[in-house]
Every structure is written in structure tokens, then in C-alpha cells.
């Protein structure tokens, strides 16, 4: 799971004792039609204007990362939707520090793109989503 440039700098500066980084109090999952890149761009995120889309809070919904594999696994259900219009094909997800706006911390390509049509939803159950940090 690639870090955004913003997050990489925060961690590097913290490790080099240049600043103290305090992790965000909340984490939110966002859906993207295109690659948000390590610049952390939100221009490919699903629009919230009359679409039924809103980011899902994922604070505390992933396991601690395994020290050997870097793998963190979803431990709770995550739902986004239902869609009020066709959202298109979701190809990427990102983790942000705010319900709207904010800063993207990291992002990932889905192993399988998923098209969300009107009245559909993006849902993941425990074990169905994994984040790898190594």
C-alpha cells in the first residue's frame, strides 16, 4: 500500500527527530475511479453531490499489522452506499484523515475493480480487505 508523499514526509521527519507526528484520531475509506497517485489527489474520488456516496469510517476496523508480512486485515464490516446514481468502476481506495476533504494518507489498487450501479453499495466483510505496509 503506497504512502502518499505527505505521509512519507511526516513519518521520515518523525523518525529523524525533526518533528513529532501524531497519528490522526479518525480514519476514513474513500473510493476512486482512477489512481490518486502518491500526490494524494482526490479528483478521481466519487462525487458526494447527490450520489449517495460518503466515505466510511474505518477507525479501529483493521488488525495490527503483522511484523513479518506487514499485513493488516479488516476486522469489521465496511459499507459505502447505497448509490443514488451509477458510481462507475471503483479501481482504487484510499485512507484519509477526515470524512470530507482532509489529507490522504495512503492508497491502494483493488485486486478486482468493482462497478457500482444505482442502489448498489461497496461492502467489505471481515477478512475481505487487507492492507500491506511492507
N, C-alpha and C. Protein backbone atom coordinates (compact mmCIF):
# COMPACT_ATOMS: atom_id res chain seq x y z
N UNK A 1 0.86 -1.16 0.00
CA UNK A 1 0.00 0.00 0.00
C UNK A 1 0.90 1.22 0.00
N UNK A 2 0.91 1.96 -1.09
CA UNK A 2 1.79 3.13 -1.16
C UNK A 2 1.34 4.27 -0.24
N UNK A 3 2.31 4.86 0.42
CA UNK A 3 2.05 6.06 1.21
C UNK A 3 1.99 7.25 0.27
N UNK A 4 1.23 8.25 0.66
CA UNK A 4 1.29 9.50 -0.10
C UNK A 4 2.58 10.21 0.28
N UNK A 5 2.98 11.17 -0.54
CA UNK A 5 4.18 11.95 -0.25
C UNK A 5 4.05 12.66 1.09
N UNK A 6 2.85 13.14 1.38
CA UNK A 6 2.58 13.83 2.65
C UNK A 6 2.88 12.91 3.84
N UNK A 7 2.36 11.69 3.79
CA UNK A 7 2.55 10.75 4.89
C UNK A 7 4.00 10.31 5.01
N UNK A 8 4.63 10.05 3.87
CA UNK A 8 6.04 9.64 3.89
C UNK A 8 6.90 10.72 4.55
N UNK A 9 6.64 11.98 4.24
CA UNK A 9 7.40 13.08 4.85
C UNK A 9 7.15 13.15 6.36
N UNK A 10 5.88 13.01 6.77
CA UNK A 10 5.57 13.04 8.20
C UNK A 10 6.33 11.96 8.96
N UNK A 11 6.33 10.76 8.42
CA UNK A 11 7.00 9.64 9.08
C UNK A 11 8.51 9.83 9.07
N UNK A 12 9.07 10.25 7.93
CA UNK A 12 10.52 10.47 7.85
C UNK A 12 10.96 11.55 8.84
N UNK A 13 10.26 12.67 8.87
CA UNK A 13 10.62 13.74 9.79
C UNK A 13 10.51 13.29 11.24
N UNK A 14 9.52 12.48 11.53
CA UNK A 14 9.37 11.94 12.89
C UNK A 14 10.54 11.02 13.23
N UNK A 15 10.88 10.12 12.32
CA UNK A 15 11.98 9.17 12.55
C UNK A 15 13.32 9.88 12.70
N UNK A 16 13.49 10.99 11.99
CA UNK A 16 14.74 11.75 12.04
C UNK A 16 14.74 12.79 13.16
N UNK A 17 13.73 12.71 14.02
CA UNK A 17 13.59 13.60 15.17
C UNK A 17 13.53 15.08 14.76
N UNK A 18 12.88 15.34 13.62
CA UNK A 18 12.70 16.71 13.15
C UNK A 18 11.36 17.28 13.60
N UNK A 19 10.41 16.39 13.87
CA UNK A 19 9.08 16.80 14.32
C UNK A 19 8.42 15.60 14.99
N UNK A 20 7.36 15.85 15.71
CA UNK A 20 6.59 14.77 16.31
C UNK A 20 5.33 14.58 15.50
N UNK A 21 5.12 13.36 15.05
CA UNK A 21 3.93 13.06 14.27
C UNK A 21 2.91 12.39 15.18
N UNK A 22 1.72 12.94 15.18
CA UNK A 22 0.61 12.35 15.94
C UNK A 22 -0.36 11.75 14.92
N UNK A 23 -0.56 10.44 14.96
CA UNK A 23 -1.49 9.82 14.01
C UNK A 23 -2.88 10.42 14.14
N UNK A 24 -3.64 10.43 13.04
CA UNK A 24 -4.99 11.01 13.10
C UNK A 24 -5.91 10.23 14.03
N UNK A 25 -6.85 10.95 14.63
CA UNK A 25 -7.81 10.33 15.54
C UNK A 25 -8.83 9.48 14.80
N UNK A 26 -9.10 9.82 13.55
CA UNK A 26 -10.08 9.10 12.75
C UNK A 26 -9.48 8.74 11.40
N UNK A 27 -9.92 7.59 10.86
CA UNK A 27 -9.51 7.16 9.52
C UNK A 27 -10.77 6.89 8.69
N UNK A 28 -10.74 7.31 7.43
CA UNK A 28 -11.89 7.21 6.55
C UNK A 28 -11.49 6.56 5.23
N UNK A 29 -12.31 5.63 4.75
CA UNK A 29 -12.06 4.95 3.48
C UNK A 29 -12.77 5.69 2.36
N UNK A 30 -12.03 6.02 1.31
CA UNK A 30 -12.58 6.71 0.14
C UNK A 30 -12.46 5.81 -1.08
N UNK A 31 -13.37 5.97 -2.03
CA UNK A 31 -13.39 5.19 -3.26
C UNK A 31 -13.01 6.06 -4.44
N UNK A 32 -12.20 5.49 -5.35
CA UNK A 32 -11.70 6.26 -6.50
C UNK A 32 -11.91 5.49 -7.81
N UNK A 33 -12.23 6.24 -8.85
CA UNK A 33 -12.36 5.67 -10.19
C UNK A 33 -10.98 5.54 -10.85
N UNK A 34 -10.06 6.41 -10.48
CA UNK A 34 -8.71 6.42 -11.05
C UNK A 34 -7.67 6.47 -9.95
N UNK A 35 -6.42 6.44 -10.37
CA UNK A 35 -5.28 6.41 -9.46
C UNK A 35 -5.08 7.76 -8.77
N UNK A 36 -5.19 7.81 -7.45
CA UNK A 36 -4.97 9.08 -6.75
C UNK A 36 -3.49 9.46 -6.68
N UNK A 37 -2.61 8.57 -7.00
CA UNK A 37 -1.14 8.73 -7.02
C UNK A 37 -0.60 9.08 -5.63
N UNK A 38 0.72 9.06 -5.54
CA UNK A 38 1.33 9.37 -4.25
C UNK A 38 1.23 10.85 -3.90
N UNK A 39 0.70 11.66 -4.83
CA UNK A 39 0.41 13.06 -4.52
C UNK A 39 -0.85 13.19 -3.67
N UNK A 40 -1.63 12.10 -3.56
CA UNK A 40 -2.84 12.11 -2.73
C UNK A 40 -3.95 12.95 -3.32
N UNK A 41 -4.17 12.80 -4.62
CA UNK A 41 -5.18 13.61 -5.32
C UNK A 41 -6.57 13.04 -5.14
N UNK A 42 -7.54 13.91 -4.88
CA UNK A 42 -8.93 13.49 -4.68
C UNK A 42 -9.78 13.65 -5.94
N UNK A 43 -9.19 14.07 -7.06
CA UNK A 43 -10.00 14.34 -8.25
C UNK A 43 -10.65 13.09 -8.85
N UNK A 44 -10.18 11.90 -8.50
CA UNK A 44 -10.81 10.68 -9.01
C UNK A 44 -11.76 10.04 -7.99
N UNK A 45 -11.95 10.68 -6.84
CA UNK A 45 -12.87 10.16 -5.82
C UNK A 45 -14.31 10.33 -6.32
N UNK A 46 -15.19 9.42 -5.93
CA UNK A 46 -16.60 9.52 -6.28
C UNK A 46 -17.15 10.84 -5.74
N UNK A 47 -17.97 11.49 -6.51
CA UNK A 47 -18.56 12.76 -6.08
C UNK A 47 -19.59 12.51 -4.98
N UNK A 48 -19.67 13.43 -4.03
CA UNK A 48 -20.67 13.33 -2.96
C UNK A 48 -21.95 14.10 -3.30
N UNK A 49 -21.96 14.82 -4.41
CA UNK A 49 -23.11 15.67 -4.77
C UNK A 49 -24.24 14.82 -5.36
N UNK A 50 -25.29 14.58 -4.55
CA UNK A 50 -26.49 13.86 -5.00
C UNK A 50 -26.20 12.47 -5.55
N UNK A 51 -25.22 11.77 -4.96
CA UNK A 51 -24.86 10.44 -5.44
C UNK A 51 -25.09 9.34 -4.41
N UNK A 52 -25.28 9.73 -3.13
CA UNK A 52 -25.40 8.75 -2.06
C UNK A 52 -24.05 8.28 -1.54
N UNK A 53 -22.97 8.86 -2.06
CA UNK A 53 -21.63 8.46 -1.65
C UNK A 53 -21.14 9.30 -0.48
N UNK A 54 -20.55 8.65 0.49
CA UNK A 54 -19.84 9.30 1.58
C UNK A 54 -18.78 8.32 2.06
N UNK A 55 -17.66 8.84 2.46
CA UNK A 55 -16.59 8.00 2.98
C UNK A 55 -17.07 7.22 4.21
N UNK A 56 -16.46 6.05 4.42
CA UNK A 56 -16.81 5.20 5.57
C UNK A 56 -15.70 5.30 6.62
N UNK A 57 -16.10 5.48 7.87
CA UNK A 57 -15.10 5.50 8.94
C UNK A 57 -14.56 4.09 9.16
N UNK A 58 -13.25 3.97 9.22
CA UNK A 58 -12.61 2.67 9.42
C UNK A 58 -11.71 2.66 10.65
N UNK A 59 -11.83 3.68 11.49
CA UNK A 59 -11.03 3.75 12.71
C UNK A 59 -11.23 2.47 13.53
N UNK A 60 -10.16 1.78 13.85
CA UNK A 60 -10.23 0.57 14.67
C UNK A 60 -10.80 -0.65 13.98
N UNK A 61 -10.98 -0.61 12.66
CA UNK A 61 -11.59 -1.74 11.96
C UNK A 61 -10.59 -2.64 11.24
N UNK A 62 -9.30 -2.42 11.49
CA UNK A 62 -8.25 -3.28 10.92
C UNK A 62 -7.38 -3.82 12.04
N UNK A 63 -6.86 -5.01 11.85
CA UNK A 63 -5.95 -5.61 12.83
C UNK A 63 -4.63 -4.86 12.83
N UNK A 64 -3.85 -5.08 13.88
CA UNK A 64 -2.49 -4.56 13.90
C UNK A 64 -1.73 -5.23 12.75
N UNK A 65 -0.79 -4.51 12.17
CA UNK A 65 0.00 -5.07 11.06
C UNK A 65 0.90 -6.19 11.58
N UNK A 66 0.94 -7.27 10.83
CA UNK A 66 1.81 -8.39 11.17
C UNK A 66 3.26 -7.93 11.01
N UNK A 67 4.14 -8.18 11.99
CA UNK A 67 5.51 -7.68 11.91
C UNK A 67 6.35 -8.31 10.80
N UNK A 68 5.98 -9.50 10.34
CA UNK A 68 6.75 -10.16 9.28
C UNK A 68 6.23 -9.84 7.88
N UNK A 69 4.91 -9.75 7.75
CA UNK A 69 4.33 -9.55 6.42
C UNK A 69 3.86 -8.12 6.17
N UNK A 70 3.67 -7.35 7.24
CA UNK A 70 3.13 -6.00 7.10
C UNK A 70 1.65 -5.98 6.79
N UNK A 71 1.00 -7.13 6.90
CA UNK A 71 -0.41 -7.26 6.53
C UNK A 71 -1.33 -6.90 7.69
N UNK A 72 -2.32 -6.05 7.40
CA UNK A 72 -3.37 -5.69 8.33
C UNK A 72 -4.69 -6.09 7.69
N UNK A 73 -5.57 -6.74 8.45
CA UNK A 73 -6.79 -7.33 7.89
C UNK A 73 -8.03 -6.65 8.49
N UNK A 74 -9.02 -6.41 7.65
CA UNK A 74 -10.29 -5.84 8.09
C UNK A 74 -10.94 -6.76 9.11
N UNK A 75 -11.38 -6.19 10.23
CA UNK A 75 -11.98 -6.98 11.31
C UNK A 75 -13.45 -6.65 11.53
N UNK A 76 -14.01 -5.74 10.75
CA UNK A 76 -15.40 -5.32 10.92
C UNK A 76 -15.98 -5.01 9.54
N UNK A 77 -17.28 -4.98 9.43
CA UNK A 77 -17.94 -4.69 8.16
C UNK A 77 -17.78 -3.21 7.80
N UNK A 78 -17.54 -2.95 6.52
CA UNK A 78 -17.48 -1.59 5.99
C UNK A 78 -18.46 -1.51 4.83
N UNK A 79 -19.38 -0.52 4.89
CA UNK A 79 -20.36 -0.29 3.83
C UNK A 79 -20.27 1.15 3.36
N UNK A 80 -20.31 1.34 2.06
CA UNK A 80 -20.43 2.68 1.48
C UNK A 80 -21.58 2.60 0.48
N UNK A 81 -22.58 3.43 0.68
CA UNK A 81 -23.76 3.42 -0.18
C UNK A 81 -25.00 3.23 0.66
N UNK A 82 -26.14 3.03 0.03
CA UNK A 82 -26.34 2.68 -1.38
C UNK A 82 -26.20 3.88 -2.32
N UNK A 83 -25.83 3.56 -3.54
CA UNK A 83 -25.65 4.57 -4.57
C UNK A 83 -27.00 5.09 -5.04
N UNK A 84 -27.11 6.40 -5.17
CA UNK A 84 -28.33 7.02 -5.71
C UNK A 84 -28.25 7.17 -7.22
N UNK A 85 -27.05 7.03 -7.77
CA UNK A 85 -26.79 7.04 -9.22
C UNK A 85 -25.69 6.02 -9.47
N UNK A 86 -25.44 5.69 -10.72
CA UNK A 86 -24.30 4.82 -11.04
C UNK A 86 -23.02 5.54 -10.64
N UNK A 87 -22.16 4.89 -9.87
CA UNK A 87 -20.90 5.49 -9.46
C UNK A 87 -19.78 5.23 -10.46
N UNK A 88 -19.90 4.17 -11.21
CA UNK A 88 -18.84 3.79 -12.14
C UNK A 88 -18.02 2.65 -11.56
N UNK A 89 -16.84 2.45 -12.13
CA UNK A 89 -15.99 1.34 -11.73
C UNK A 89 -14.93 1.81 -10.75
N UNK A 90 -15.01 1.27 -9.55
CA UNK A 90 -14.08 1.60 -8.48
C UNK A 90 -12.81 0.79 -8.71
N UNK A 91 -11.69 1.48 -8.83
CA UNK A 91 -10.41 0.81 -9.07
C UNK A 91 -9.42 0.99 -7.92
N UNK A 92 -9.60 2.05 -7.14
CA UNK A 92 -8.68 2.35 -6.04
C UNK A 92 -9.46 2.73 -4.79
N UNK A 93 -8.83 2.51 -3.65
CA UNK A 93 -9.33 3.02 -2.37
C UNK A 93 -8.21 3.84 -1.75
N UNK A 94 -8.60 4.74 -0.86
CA UNK A 94 -7.59 5.48 -0.11
C UNK A 94 -8.06 5.61 1.32
N UNK A 95 -7.11 5.89 2.20
CA UNK A 95 -7.40 6.14 3.60
C UNK A 95 -7.04 7.59 3.88
N UNK A 96 -8.02 8.30 4.44
CA UNK A 96 -7.91 9.75 4.66
C UNK A 96 -8.11 10.05 6.14
N UNK A 97 -7.78 11.28 6.52
CA UNK A 97 -7.90 11.66 7.93
C UNK A 97 -9.15 12.48 8.23
N UNK A 98 -10.10 12.54 7.29
CA UNK A 98 -11.32 13.31 7.51
C UNK A 98 -12.47 12.71 6.71
N UNK A 99 -13.68 12.94 7.18
CA UNK A 99 -14.87 12.45 6.49
C UNK A 99 -15.05 13.11 5.14
N UNK A 100 -14.64 14.36 5.03
CA UNK A 100 -14.68 15.09 3.75
C UNK A 100 -13.42 15.94 3.69
N UNK A 101 -12.86 16.09 2.51
CA UNK A 101 -11.62 16.86 2.39
C UNK A 101 -10.50 16.16 3.12
N UNK A 102 -9.77 16.91 3.93
CA UNK A 102 -8.68 16.33 4.70
C UNK A 102 -7.49 15.97 3.84
N UNK A 103 -6.69 15.05 4.35
CA UNK A 103 -5.46 14.63 3.69
C UNK A 103 -5.49 13.13 3.47
N UNK A 104 -5.07 12.70 2.30
CA UNK A 104 -4.95 11.28 2.00
C UNK A 104 -3.64 10.79 2.61
N UNK A 105 -3.71 9.65 3.32
CA UNK A 105 -2.53 9.09 3.96
C UNK A 105 -1.87 8.01 3.12
N UNK A 106 -2.68 7.13 2.57
CA UNK A 106 -2.17 6.09 1.67
C UNK A 106 -3.31 5.62 0.79
N UNK A 107 -2.98 4.82 -0.23
CA UNK A 107 -3.97 4.38 -1.20
C UNK A 107 -3.57 3.00 -1.72
N UNK A 108 -4.51 2.35 -2.40
CA UNK A 108 -4.23 1.02 -2.95
C UNK A 108 -5.13 0.76 -4.14
N UNK A 109 -4.63 -0.04 -5.05
CA UNK A 109 -5.46 -0.51 -6.16
C UNK A 109 -6.22 -1.74 -5.67
N UNK A 110 -7.49 -1.84 -6.06
CA UNK A 110 -8.26 -3.03 -5.70
C UNK A 110 -7.76 -4.22 -6.51
N UNK A 111 -7.75 -5.39 -5.93
CA UNK A 111 -7.32 -6.58 -6.67
C UNK A 111 -8.29 -6.88 -7.81
N UNK A 112 -9.56 -6.48 -7.64
CA UNK A 112 -10.55 -6.59 -8.70
C UNK A 112 -11.39 -5.32 -8.71
N UNK A 113 -11.42 -4.64 -9.85
CA UNK A 113 -12.25 -3.44 -9.97
C UNK A 113 -13.71 -3.84 -9.75
N UNK A 114 -14.50 -2.91 -9.22
CA UNK A 114 -15.90 -3.19 -8.90
C UNK A 114 -16.79 -2.06 -9.40
N UNK A 115 -17.74 -2.39 -10.27
CA UNK A 115 -18.66 -1.39 -10.78
C UNK A 115 -19.87 -1.29 -9.85
N UNK A 116 -20.15 -0.06 -9.42
CA UNK A 116 -21.28 0.19 -8.52
C UNK A 116 -22.37 0.91 -9.31
N UNK A 117 -23.52 0.25 -9.42
CA UNK A 117 -24.68 0.82 -10.10
C UNK A 117 -25.65 1.40 -9.08
N UNK A 118 -26.62 2.15 -9.57
CA UNK A 118 -27.65 2.75 -8.72
C UNK A 118 -28.23 1.68 -7.79
N UNK A 119 -28.38 2.02 -6.53
CA UNK A 119 -28.88 1.17 -5.45
C UNK A 119 -27.88 0.12 -4.99
N UNK A 120 -26.71 0.06 -5.62
CA UNK A 120 -25.66 -0.85 -5.17
C UNK A 120 -24.85 -0.23 -4.05
N UNK A 121 -23.94 -1.01 -3.51
CA UNK A 121 -23.07 -0.49 -2.46
C UNK A 121 -21.71 -1.17 -2.54
N UNK A 122 -20.74 -0.52 -1.96
CA UNK A 122 -19.40 -1.09 -1.81
C UNK A 122 -19.37 -1.65 -0.40
N UNK A 123 -19.21 -2.95 -0.28
CA UNK A 123 -19.23 -3.59 1.03
C UNK A 123 -18.05 -4.56 1.14
N UNK A 124 -17.43 -4.53 2.30
CA UNK A 124 -16.38 -5.48 2.64
C UNK A 124 -16.69 -6.03 4.02
N UNK A 125 -16.49 -7.34 4.17
CA UNK A 125 -16.73 -8.02 5.45
C UNK A 125 -15.38 -8.39 6.05
N UNK A 126 -15.35 -8.76 7.33
CA UNK A 126 -14.08 -9.12 7.96
C UNK A 126 -13.29 -10.14 7.13
N UNK A 127 -12.01 -9.83 6.97
CA UNK A 127 -11.12 -10.69 6.20
C UNK A 127 -11.12 -10.41 4.71
N UNK A 128 -12.09 -9.67 4.21
CA UNK A 128 -12.21 -9.44 2.77
C UNK A 128 -11.30 -8.33 2.25
N UNK A 129 -10.81 -7.49 3.13
CA UNK A 129 -9.92 -6.41 2.72
C UNK A 129 -8.65 -6.49 3.55
N UNK A 130 -7.52 -6.40 2.86
CA UNK A 130 -6.22 -6.45 3.52
C UNK A 130 -5.38 -5.27 3.06
N UNK A 131 -4.63 -4.71 3.97
CA UNK A 131 -3.69 -3.64 3.66
C UNK A 131 -2.29 -4.16 3.97
N UNK A 132 -1.38 -3.96 3.03
CA UNK A 132 0.00 -4.40 3.25
C UNK A 132 0.91 -3.18 3.32
N UNK A 133 1.66 -3.05 4.39
CA UNK A 133 2.50 -1.89 4.61
C UNK A 133 3.98 -2.12 4.37
N UNK A 134 4.35 -3.29 3.86
CA UNK A 134 5.75 -3.57 3.55
C UNK A 134 5.85 -3.86 2.07
